[in-house]
Amino acid sequence: MLPRPRWIFFSRTLRAAWLAAILIFLPADLLAESNTSSVVCRSGLALERREELAGKLRKITGWSNLKFDRTGALQLGTNPVGGSKIARELLSRVVMGNAAVVIEDASKRADVAFCQVLHGKWKANVPDTRPAFVVQIDFADFDNVIGDKSALQAFNAGWGLLHEFDHVVNDSLDATCLGELGECEAHINEMRRECGLPQRAEYFHTYSPLTVHSAFITRLVQLSFEQEETPSRRKKRYLLVWDANLIGGITENKKIALLR
């Protein structure tokens, strides 16, 4: 029997059944100071975390001058060197798009695993025709991941943010069963490939074989990444590992049947 699959980087479609009850009310002046970007940080996202996130996005996109400005608005860079063209196109679409996206620090939240995106609702003074989303990032979850260096570079808060942006912009879907990668992660893998990084081999992580029937309190799970070597064209596998007890949003009663 296969270990029960778990999900990482939640999409807004995965939580569709909850959205009637979970509405993030956004003050209308949250984006008022920035008329150049549709992506802005909540005030609770510390400057250190903003710079950490911007640094990861700079490395992915090749934009060395990408930043969050003093208002917390995400400002795109210019004159890229290396990085992923597809990631730059995605960021450009979300930053210059009609939908307002607010980034929130959800570190150590029990109901968030790595990242998730939820619908937001304006308090006042903003037309209902402008959709709003809140991307919640649990930085502490990423801090608890260990594994191969290349896989760690391909799985961090920057990649998690891009995953959620892809849901917002492309309404892409995640996998629903083991063996599938999902439309959204397929897009993100194209960006990883352009950055010379290993690609995520599966959407769901599984329990490590050593801990499935273990009496130890620690319950290790693993996530695989792959990269084709040249000229042999053989695939090299990289692993990430973490203790499932330390990652929020992952509980025994959340089964795959609840994803859609």
C-alpha atoms as a PDB file:
ATOM      1  CA  MET A   1       0.000   0.000   0.000  1.00  0.00           C
ATOM      2  CA  LEU A   2       1.372   3.391  -0.971  1.00  0.00           C
ATOM      3  CA  PRO A   3       1.931   5.995   1.728  1.00  0.00           C
ATOM      4  CA  ARG A   4      -0.795   8.601   1.825  1.00  0.00           C
ATOM      5  CA  PRO A   5       0.169  11.502  -0.445  1.00  0.00           C
ATOM      6  CA  ARG A   6       0.423  15.032   0.900  1.00  0.00           C
ATOM      7  CA  TRP A   7       0.216  18.347  -0.884  1.00  0.00           C
ATOM      8  CA  ILE A   8       2.586  21.307  -0.998  1.00  0.00           C
ATOM      9  CA  PHE A   9       1.970  24.810  -2.348  1.00  0.00           C
ATOM     10  CA  PHE A  10      -1.794  24.990  -2.144  1.00  0.00           C
ATOM     11  CA  SER A  11      -3.781  26.484  -5.000  1.00  0.00           C
ATOM     12  CA  ARG A  12      -6.837  28.660  -4.688  1.00  0.00           C
ATOM     13  CA  THR A  13      -8.815  25.976  -6.515  1.00  0.00           C
ATOM     14  CA  LEU A  14      -7.860  23.404  -3.898  1.00  0.00           C
ATOM     15  CA  ARG A  15      -9.523  25.501  -1.219  1.00  0.00           C
ATOM     16  CA  ALA A  16     -12.577  26.484  -3.230  1.00  0.00           C
ATOM     17  CA  ALA A  17     -14.927  24.868  -0.741  1.00  0.00           C
ATOM     18  CA  TRP A  18     -13.513  26.994   2.069  1.00  0.00           C
ATOM     19  CA  LEU A  19     -13.522  30.384   0.362  1.00  0.00           C
ATOM     20  CA  ALA A  20     -17.092  31.217   1.314  1.00  0.00           C
ATOM     21  CA  ALA A  21     -16.000  31.101   4.937  1.00  0.00           C
ATOM     22  CA  ILE A  22     -12.418  32.323   4.606  1.00  0.00           C
ATOM     23  CA  LEU A  23     -12.333  35.824   3.143  1.00  0.00           C
ATOM     24  CA  ILE A  24      -9.313  38.038   3.735  1.00  0.00           C
ATOM     25  CA  PHE A  25     -10.637  41.591   4.107  1.00  0.00           C
ATOM     26  CA  LEU A  26      -8.163  44.050   2.642  1.00  0.00           C
ATOM     27  CA  PRO A  27      -8.055  47.776   3.414  1.00  0.00           C
ATOM     28  CA  ALA A  28      -8.540  49.818   0.270  1.00  0.00           C
ATOM     29  CA  ASP A  29      -5.467  51.933   0.999  1.00  0.00           C
ATOM     30  CA  LEU A  30      -3.149  48.910   1.077  1.00  0.00           C
ATOM     31  CA  LEU A  31      -2.196  49.530  -2.549  1.00  0.00           C
ATOM     32  CA  ALA A  32      -2.882  53.261  -2.553  1.00  0.00           C
ATOM     33  CA  GLU A  33       0.763  54.335  -2.243  1.00  0.00           C
ATOM     34  CA  SER A  34       1.827  52.163  -5.153  1.00  0.00           C
ATOM     35  CA  ASN A  35       0.331  52.719  -8.580  1.00  0.00           C
ATOM     36  CA  THR A  36       3.082  50.843 -10.344  1.00  0.00           C
ATOM     37  CA  SER A  37       2.601  47.320  -8.996  1.00  0.00           C
ATOM     38  CA  SER A  38      -0.296  44.998  -8.272  1.00  0.00           C
ATOM     39  CA  VAL A  39       1.821  42.998  -5.793  1.00  0.00           C
ATOM     40  CA  VAL A  40       2.434  44.394  -2.325  1.00  0.00           C
ATOM     41  CA  CYS A  41       3.548  43.088   1.083  1.00  0.00           C
ATOM     42  CA  ARG A  42       1.465  43.369   4.211  1.00  0.00           C
ATOM     43  CA  SER A  43       3.042  45.527   6.891  1.00  0.00           C
ATOM     44  CA  GLY A  44       3.634  42.424   9.026  1.00  0.00           C
ATOM     45  CA  LEU A  45       6.113  41.018   6.510  1.00  0.00           C
ATOM     46  CA  ALA A  46       9.430  42.106   8.031  1.00  0.00           C
ATOM     47  CA  LEU A  47      12.044  43.926   5.964  1.00  0.00           C
ATOM     48  CA  GLU A  48      14.434  40.989   6.423  1.00  0.00           C
ATOM     49  CA  ARG A  49      11.881  38.587   4.970  1.00  0.00           C
ATOM     50  CA  ARG A  50      11.120  40.943   2.098  1.00  0.00           C
ATOM     51  CA  GLU A  51      14.782  41.129   1.194  1.00  0.00           C
ATOM     52  CA  GLU A  52      15.135  37.353   1.548  1.00  0.00           C
ATOM     53  CA  LEU A  53      12.221  36.861  -0.845  1.00  0.00           C
ATOM     54  CA  ALA A  54      13.492  39.510  -3.274  1.00  0.00           C
ATOM     55  CA  GLY A  55      16.950  37.907  -3.257  1.00  0.00           C
ATOM     56  CA  LYS A  56      15.514  34.548  -4.262  1.00  0.00           C
ATOM     57  CA  LEU A  57      13.442  36.159  -7.013  1.00  0.00           C
ATOM     58  CA  ARG A  58      16.517  38.026  -8.276  1.00  0.00           C
ATOM     59  CA  LYS A  59      18.400  34.752  -8.589  1.00  0.00           C
ATOM     60  CA  ILE A  60      15.492  33.064 -10.393  1.00  0.00           C
ATOM     61  CA  THR A  61      14.753  35.899 -12.813  1.00  0.00           C
ATOM     62  CA  GLY A  62      18.234  37.284 -13.427  1.00  0.00           C
ATOM     63  CA  TRP A  63      16.978  40.778 -12.553  1.00  0.00           C
ATOM     64  CA  SER A  64      19.678  42.037 -10.191  1.00  0.00           C
ATOM     65  CA  ASN A  65      17.675  45.187  -9.380  1.00  0.00           C
ATOM     66  CA  LEU A  66      14.318  43.538  -8.594  1.00  0.00           C
ATOM     67  CA  LYS A  67      13.108  44.740  -5.186  1.00  0.00           C
ATOM     68  CA  PHE A  68      10.270  45.538  -2.819  1.00  0.00           C
ATOM     69  CA  ASP A  69      10.137  49.319  -2.513  1.00  0.00           C
ATOM     70  CA  ARG A  70       9.525  51.329   0.667  1.00  0.00           C
ATOM     71  CA  THR A  71       5.764  50.782   0.367  1.00  0.00           C
ATOM     72  CA  GLY A  72       6.243  47.023   0.056  1.00  0.00           C
ATOM     73  CA  ALA A  73       5.343  46.965  -3.633  1.00  0.00           C
ATOM     74  CA  LEU A  74       7.192  44.527  -5.855  1.00  0.00           C
ATOM     75  CA  GLN A  75       9.170  46.359  -8.528  1.00  0.00           C
ATOM     76  CA  LEU A  76      10.434  44.440 -11.541  1.00  0.00           C
ATOM     77  CA  GLY A  77      14.053  44.660 -12.635  1.00  0.00           C
ATOM     78  CA  THR A  78      15.714  45.543 -15.911  1.00  0.00           C
ATOM     79  CA  ASN A  79      18.525  44.153 -18.068  1.00  0.00           C
ATOM     80  CA  PRO A  80      18.409  40.523 -16.887  1.00  0.00           C
ATOM     81  CA  VAL A  81      21.544  38.422 -16.795  1.00  0.00           C
ATOM     82  CA  GLY A  82      20.756  34.716 -16.923  1.00  0.00           C
ATOM     83  CA  GLY A  83      17.783  33.461 -14.973  1.00  0.00           C
ATOM     84  CA  SER A  84      14.464  32.291 -16.338  1.00  0.00           C
ATOM     85  CA  LYS A  85      12.672  34.145 -19.107  1.00  0.00           C
ATOM     86  CA  ILE A  86       9.436  32.326 -18.270  1.00  0.00           C
ATOM     87  CA  ALA A  87       9.671  33.450 -14.641  1.00  0.00           C
ATOM     88  CA  ARG A  88      10.193  37.048 -15.782  1.00  0.00           C
ATOM     89  CA  GLU A  89       7.128  36.822 -18.003  1.00  0.00           C
ATOM     90  CA  LEU A  90       5.028  35.435 -15.139  1.00  0.00           C
ATOM     91  CA  LEU A  91       6.159  38.160 -12.735  1.00  0.00           C
ATOM     92  CA  SER A  92       5.480  40.833 -15.338  1.00  0.00           C
ATOM     93  CA  ARG A  93       1.952  39.545 -15.844  1.00  0.00           C
ATOM     94  CA  VAL A  94       1.102  39.510 -12.145  1.00  0.00           C
ATOM     95  CA  VAL A  95       2.779  42.844 -11.305  1.00  0.00           C
ATOM     96  CA  MET A  96       1.104  44.649 -14.211  1.00  0.00           C
ATOM     97  CA  GLY A  97      -2.131  42.687 -14.050  1.00  0.00           C
ATOM     98  CA  ASN A  98      -5.587  43.705 -12.846  1.00  0.00           C
ATOM     99  CA  ALA A  99      -5.647  41.374  -9.836  1.00  0.00           C
ATOM    100  CA  ALA A 100      -4.289  42.745  -6.560  1.00  0.00           C
ATOM    101  CA  VAL A 101      -1.984  40.296  -4.776  1.00  0.00           C
ATOM    102  CA  VAL A 102      -0.944  40.771  -1.151  1.00  0.00           C
ATOM    103  CA  ILE A 103       1.968  38.779   0.311  1.00  0.00           C
ATOM    104  CA  GLU A 104       1.605  37.814   3.957  1.00  0.00           C
ATOM    105  CA  ASP A 105       3.994  36.212   6.449  1.00  0.00           C
ATOM    106  CA  ALA A 106       2.331  33.068   7.798  1.00  0.00           C
ATOM    107  CA  SER A 107       5.404  31.652   9.539  1.00  0.00           C
ATOM    108  CA  LYS A 108       4.674  28.914  12.069  1.00  0.00           C
ATOM    109  CA  ARG A 109       0.987  28.920  11.198  1.00  0.00           C
ATOM    110  CA  ALA A 110      -0.493  25.477  11.825  1.00  0.00           C
ATOM    111  CA  ASP A 111      -2.866  25.786   8.866  1.00  0.00           C
ATOM    112  CA  VAL A 112      -0.260  26.708   6.236  1.00  0.00           C
ATOM    113  CA  ALA A 113       2.187  24.308   4.611  1.00  0.00           C
ATOM    114  CA  PHE A 114       4.923  26.264   2.819  1.00  0.00           C
ATOM    115  CA  CYS A 115       2.634  28.513   0.726  1.00  0.00           C
ATOM    116  CA  GLN A 116      -1.002  28.983  -0.146  1.00  0.00           C
ATOM    117  CA  VAL A 117      -3.151  31.524  -1.973  1.00  0.00           C
ATOM    118  CA  LEU A 118      -6.635  32.595  -0.920  1.00  0.00           C
ATOM    119  CA  HIS A 119      -9.246  34.950  -2.290  1.00  0.00           C
ATOM    120  CA  GLY A 120      -9.341  38.374  -0.673  1.00  0.00           C
ATOM    121  CA  LYS A 121     -12.204  40.826  -0.345  1.00  0.00           C
ATOM    122  CA  TRP A 122     -11.955  44.602  -0.214  1.00  0.00           C
ATOM    123  CA  LYS A 123     -13.334  46.493   2.760  1.00  0.00           C
ATOM    124  CA  ALA A 124     -14.423  49.502   0.721  1.00  0.00           C
ATOM    125  CA  ASN A 125     -13.635  51.985  -2.055  1.00  0.00           C
ATOM    126  CA  VAL A 126     -12.404  49.392  -4.535  1.00  0.00           C
ATOM    127  CA  PRO A 127     -14.640  48.075  -7.323  1.00  0.00           C
ATOM    128  CA  ASP A 128     -15.664  44.452  -6.858  1.00  0.00           C
ATOM    129  CA  THR A 129     -14.524  43.907 -10.431  1.00  0.00           C
ATOM    130  CA  ARG A 130     -10.883  43.993  -9.272  1.00  0.00           C
ATOM    131  CA  PRO A 131     -10.056  40.543  -7.903  1.00  0.00           C
ATOM    132  CA  ALA A 132      -7.816  40.258  -4.864  1.00  0.00           C
ATOM    133  CA  PHE A 133      -5.661  37.415  -3.577  1.00  0.00           C
ATOM    134  CA  VAL A 134      -3.530  36.852  -0.504  1.00  0.00           C
ATOM    135  CA  VAL A 135      -0.418  34.688  -0.790  1.00  0.00           C
ATOM    136  CA  GLN A 136       0.609  33.331   2.604  1.00  0.00           C
ATOM    137  CA  ILE A 137       4.193  32.133   3.017  1.00  0.00           C
ATOM    138  CA  ASP A 138       5.385  30.046   5.964  1.00  0.00           C
ATOM    139  CA  PHE A 139       9.089  30.832   5.912  1.00  0.00           C
ATOM    140  CA  ALA A 140       9.635  28.595   8.954  1.00  0.00           C
ATOM    141  CA  ASP A 141       8.497  25.568   6.950  1.00  0.00           C
ATOM    142  CA  PHE A 142      11.193  26.182   4.339  1.00  0.00           C
ATOM    143  CA  ASP A 143      13.763  26.593   7.120  1.00  0.00           C
ATOM    144  CA  ASN A 144      12.971  23.056   8.301  1.00  0.00           C
ATOM    145  CA  VAL A 145      13.774  21.410   4.948  1.00  0.00           C
ATOM    146  CA  ILE A 146      17.115  19.654   4.459  1.00  0.00           C
ATOM    147  CA  GLY A 147      18.556  17.783   1.508  1.00  0.00           C
ATOM    148  CA  ASP A 148      20.711  18.034  -1.591  1.00  0.00           C
ATOM    149  CA  LYS A 149      21.966  21.543  -2.326  1.00  0.00           C
ATOM    150  CA  SER A 150      20.614  21.597  -5.877  1.00  0.00           C
ATOM    151  CA  ALA A 151      17.153  20.534  -4.710  1.00  0.00           C
ATOM    152  CA  LEU A 152      17.163  23.178  -1.978  1.00  0.00           C
ATOM    153  CA  GLN A 153      17.925  25.816  -4.616  1.00  0.00           C
ATOM    154  CA  ALA A 154      14.894  24.573  -6.579  1.00  0.00           C
ATOM    155  CA  PHE A 155      12.540  24.602  -3.592  1.00  0.00           C
ATOM    156  CA  ASN A 156      12.366  27.778  -1.532  1.00  0.00           C
ATOM    157  CA  ALA A 157      10.039  30.680  -0.772  1.00  0.00           C
ATOM    158  CA  GLY A 158      10.788  32.279  -4.139  1.00  0.00           C
ATOM    159  CA  TRP A 159       9.667  29.194  -6.035  1.00  0.00           C
ATOM    160  CA  GLY A 160       6.656  28.865  -3.738  1.00  0.00           C
ATOM    161  CA  LEU A 161       5.612  32.433  -4.517  1.00  0.00           C
ATOM    162  CA  LEU A 162       5.937  31.822  -8.248  1.00  0.00           C
ATOM    163  CA  HIS A 163       3.815  28.682  -7.879  1.00  0.00           C
ATOM    164  CA  GLU A 164       1.018  30.694  -6.284  1.00  0.00           C
ATOM    165  CA  PHE A 165       1.396  33.481  -8.853  1.00  0.00           C
ATOM    166  CA  ASP A 166       0.904  30.882 -11.580  1.00  0.00           C
ATOM    167  CA  HIS A 167      -2.400  29.864  -9.967  1.00  0.00           C
ATOM    168  CA  VAL A 168      -3.511  33.509  -9.920  1.00  0.00           C
ATOM    169  CA  VAL A 169      -2.436  34.405 -13.460  1.00  0.00           C
ATOM    170  CA  ASN A 170      -3.018  31.143 -15.325  1.00  0.00           C
ATOM    171  CA  ASP A 171      -5.629  29.492 -13.088  1.00  0.00           C
ATOM    172  CA  SER A 172      -3.433  26.407 -13.375  1.00  0.00           C
ATOM    173  CA  LEU A 173      -4.270  23.188 -11.576  1.00  0.00           C
ATOM    174  CA  ASP A 174      -2.287  21.025  -9.189  1.00  0.00           C
ATOM    175  CA  ALA A 175      -2.024  17.257  -9.331  1.00  0.00           C
ATOM    176  CA  THR A 176      -4.746  15.150  -7.731  1.00  0.00           C
ATOM    177  CA  CYS A 177      -3.033  11.778  -7.371  1.00  0.00           C
ATOM    178  CA  LEU A 178       0.341  10.122  -7.086  1.00  0.00           C
ATOM    179  CA  GLY A 179       2.305   9.927 -10.312  1.00  0.00           C
ATOM    180  CA  GLU A 180       1.034  13.283 -11.573  1.00  0.00           C
ATOM    181  CA  LEU A 181       3.030  16.502 -11.531  1.00  0.00           C
ATOM    182  CA  GLY A 182       0.179  18.895 -12.210  1.00  0.00           C
ATOM    183  CA  GLU A 183      -0.183  21.764 -14.653  1.00  0.00           C
ATOM    184  CA  CYS A 184       1.154  24.403 -12.262  1.00  0.00           C
ATOM    185  CA  GLU A 185       4.354  22.575 -11.273  1.00  0.00           C
ATOM    186  CA  ALA A 186       4.951  21.725 -14.932  1.00  0.00           C
ATOM    187  CA  HIS A 187       5.119  25.477 -15.569  1.00  0.00           C
ATOM    188  CA  ILE A 188       7.453  25.989 -12.603  1.00  0.00           C
ATOM    189  CA  ASN A 189       9.687  23.151 -13.811  1.00  0.00           C
ATOM    190  CA  GLU A 190      10.198  25.006 -17.099  1.00  0.00           C
ATOM    191  CA  MET A 191      11.587  27.907 -15.068  1.00  0.00           C
ATOM    192  CA  ARG A 192      13.829  25.597 -13.036  1.00  0.00           C
ATOM    193  CA  ARG A 193      15.153  24.123 -16.273  1.00  0.00           C
ATOM    194  CA  GLU A 194      16.007  27.598 -17.588  1.00  0.00           C
ATOM    195  CA  CYS A 195      17.891  28.234 -14.336  1.00  0.00           C
ATOM    196  CA  GLY A 196      19.879  25.004 -14.718  1.00  0.00           C
ATOM    197  CA  LEU A 197      18.249  23.451 -11.651  1.00  0.00           C
ATOM    198  CA  PRO A 198      16.741  19.993 -11.139  1.00  0.00           C
ATOM    199  CA  GLN A 199      13.024  19.701 -11.800  1.00  0.00           C
ATOM    200  CA  ARG A 200      10.442  18.512  -9.342  1.00  0.00           C
ATOM    201  CA  ALA A 201       9.704  14.872 -10.142  1.00  0.00           C
ATOM    202  CA  GLU A 202       6.415  14.627  -8.259  1.00  0.00           C
ATOM    203  CA  TYR A 203       3.828  16.913  -6.745  1.00  0.00           C
ATOM    204  CA  PHE A 204       3.073  14.904  -3.626  1.00  0.00           C
ATOM    205  CA  HIS A 205       5.663  14.033  -1.055  1.00  0.00           C
ATOM    206  CA  THR A 206       5.560  10.675   0.704  1.00  0.00           C
ATOM    207  CA  TYR A 207       6.782   9.226   3.948  1.00  0.00           C
ATOM    208  CA  SER A 208      10.349   8.038   3.917  1.00  0.00           C
ATOM    209  CA  PRO A 209      10.368   4.215   3.836  1.00  0.00           C
ATOM    210  CA  LEU A 210      12.384   4.256   7.049  1.00  0.00           C
ATOM    211  CA  THR A 211       9.642   5.992   9.020  1.00  0.00           C
ATOM    212  CA  VAL A 212       6.349   4.651   7.648  1.00  0.00           C
ATOM    213  CA  HIS A 213       6.049   2.046  10.411  1.00  0.00           C
ATOM    214  CA  SER A 214       8.491   3.620  12.808  1.00  0.00           C
ATOM    215  CA  ALA A 215       7.825   4.019  16.509  1.00  0.00           C
ATOM    216  CA  PHE A 216       9.906   7.220  16.532  1.00  0.00           C
ATOM    217  CA  ILE A 217       8.137  10.527  17.050  1.00  0.00           C
ATOM    218  CA  THR A 218       9.941  12.020  14.029  1.00  0.00           C
ATOM    219  CA  ARG A 219       8.054  11.278  10.797  1.00  0.00           C
ATOM    220  CA  LEU A 220      10.338  12.000   7.865  1.00  0.00           C
ATOM    221  CA  VAL A 221       8.894  12.675   4.432  1.00  0.00           C
ATOM    222  CA  GLN A 222      10.717  13.105   1.147  1.00  0.00           C
ATOM    223  CA  LEU A 223      10.285  14.966  -2.131  1.00  0.00           C
ATOM    224  CA  SER A 224      12.199  14.091  -5.301  1.00  0.00           C
ATOM    225  CA  PHE A 225      13.815  16.279  -7.950  1.00  0.00           C
ATOM    226  CA  GLU A 226      15.523  15.116 -11.149  1.00  0.00           C
ATOM    227  CA  GLN A 227      18.009  16.559 -13.632  1.00  0.00           C
ATOM    228  CA  GLU A 228      19.204  15.086 -16.905  1.00  0.00           C
ATOM    229  CA  GLU A 229      22.971  14.780 -17.194  1.00  0.00           C
ATOM    230  CA  THR A 230      24.793  15.426 -20.439  1.00  0.00           C
ATOM    231  CA  PRO A 231      25.946  13.777 -22.606  1.00  0.00           C
ATOM    232  CA  SER A 232      24.721  10.508 -21.050  1.00  0.00           C
ATOM    233  CA  ARG A 233      21.095  11.773 -20.758  1.00  0.00           C
ATOM    234  CA  ARG A 234      20.836   9.838 -17.520  1.00  0.00           C
ATOM    235  CA  LYS A 235      18.647  11.389 -14.834  1.00  0.00           C
ATOM    236  CA  LYS A 236      20.219  12.226 -11.516  1.00  0.00           C
ATOM    237  CA  ARG A 237      17.902  12.274  -8.522  1.00  0.00           C
ATOM    238  CA  TYR A 238      18.008  14.736  -5.651  1.00  0.00           C
ATOM    239  CA  LEU A 239      16.012  14.495  -2.429  1.00  0.00           C
ATOM    240  CA  LEU A 240      14.549  16.893   0.095  1.00  0.00           C
ATOM    241  CA  VAL A 241      13.576  15.658   3.538  1.00  0.00           C
ATOM    242  CA  TRP A 242      11.705  17.149   6.484  1.00  0.00           C
ATOM    243  CA  ASP A 243       9.859  16.144   9.637  1.00  0.00           C
ATOM    244  CA  ALA A 244       6.136  16.149   8.864  1.00  0.00           C
ATOM    245  CA  ASN A 245       5.434  17.124  12.472  1.00  0.00           C
ATOM    246  CA  LEU A 246       7.150  20.483  11.945  1.00  0.00           C
ATOM    247  CA  ILE A 247       5.288  21.547   8.798  1.00  0.00           C
ATOM    248  CA  GLY A 248       1.912  23.229   9.234  1.00  0.00           C
ATOM    249  CA  GLY A 249      -1.193  22.462   7.211  1.00  0.00           C
ATOM    250  CA  ILE A 250      -0.498  18.714   6.997  1.00  0.00           C
ATOM    251  CA  THR A 251      -2.853  16.532   8.996  1.00  0.00           C
ATOM    252  CA  GLU A 252      -3.950  12.926   8.814  1.00  0.00           C
ATOM    253  CA  ASN A 253      -7.573  13.776   8.011  1.00  0.00           C
ATOM    254  CA  LYS A 254      -6.706  15.729   4.842  1.00  0.00           C
ATOM    255  CA  LYS A 255      -7.009  13.094   2.173  1.00  0.00           C
ATOM    256  CA  ILE A 256      -6.478  13.428  -1.519  1.00  0.00           C
ATOM    257  CA  ALA A 257     -10.208  13.136  -2.173  1.00  0.00           C
ATOM    258  CA  LEU A 258     -10.657  16.537  -0.555  1.00  0.00           C
ATOM    259  CA  LEU A 259      -8.413  18.331  -3.023  1.00  0.00           C
ATOM    260  CA  ARG A 260     -11.133  19.077  -5.563  1.00  0.00           C
END
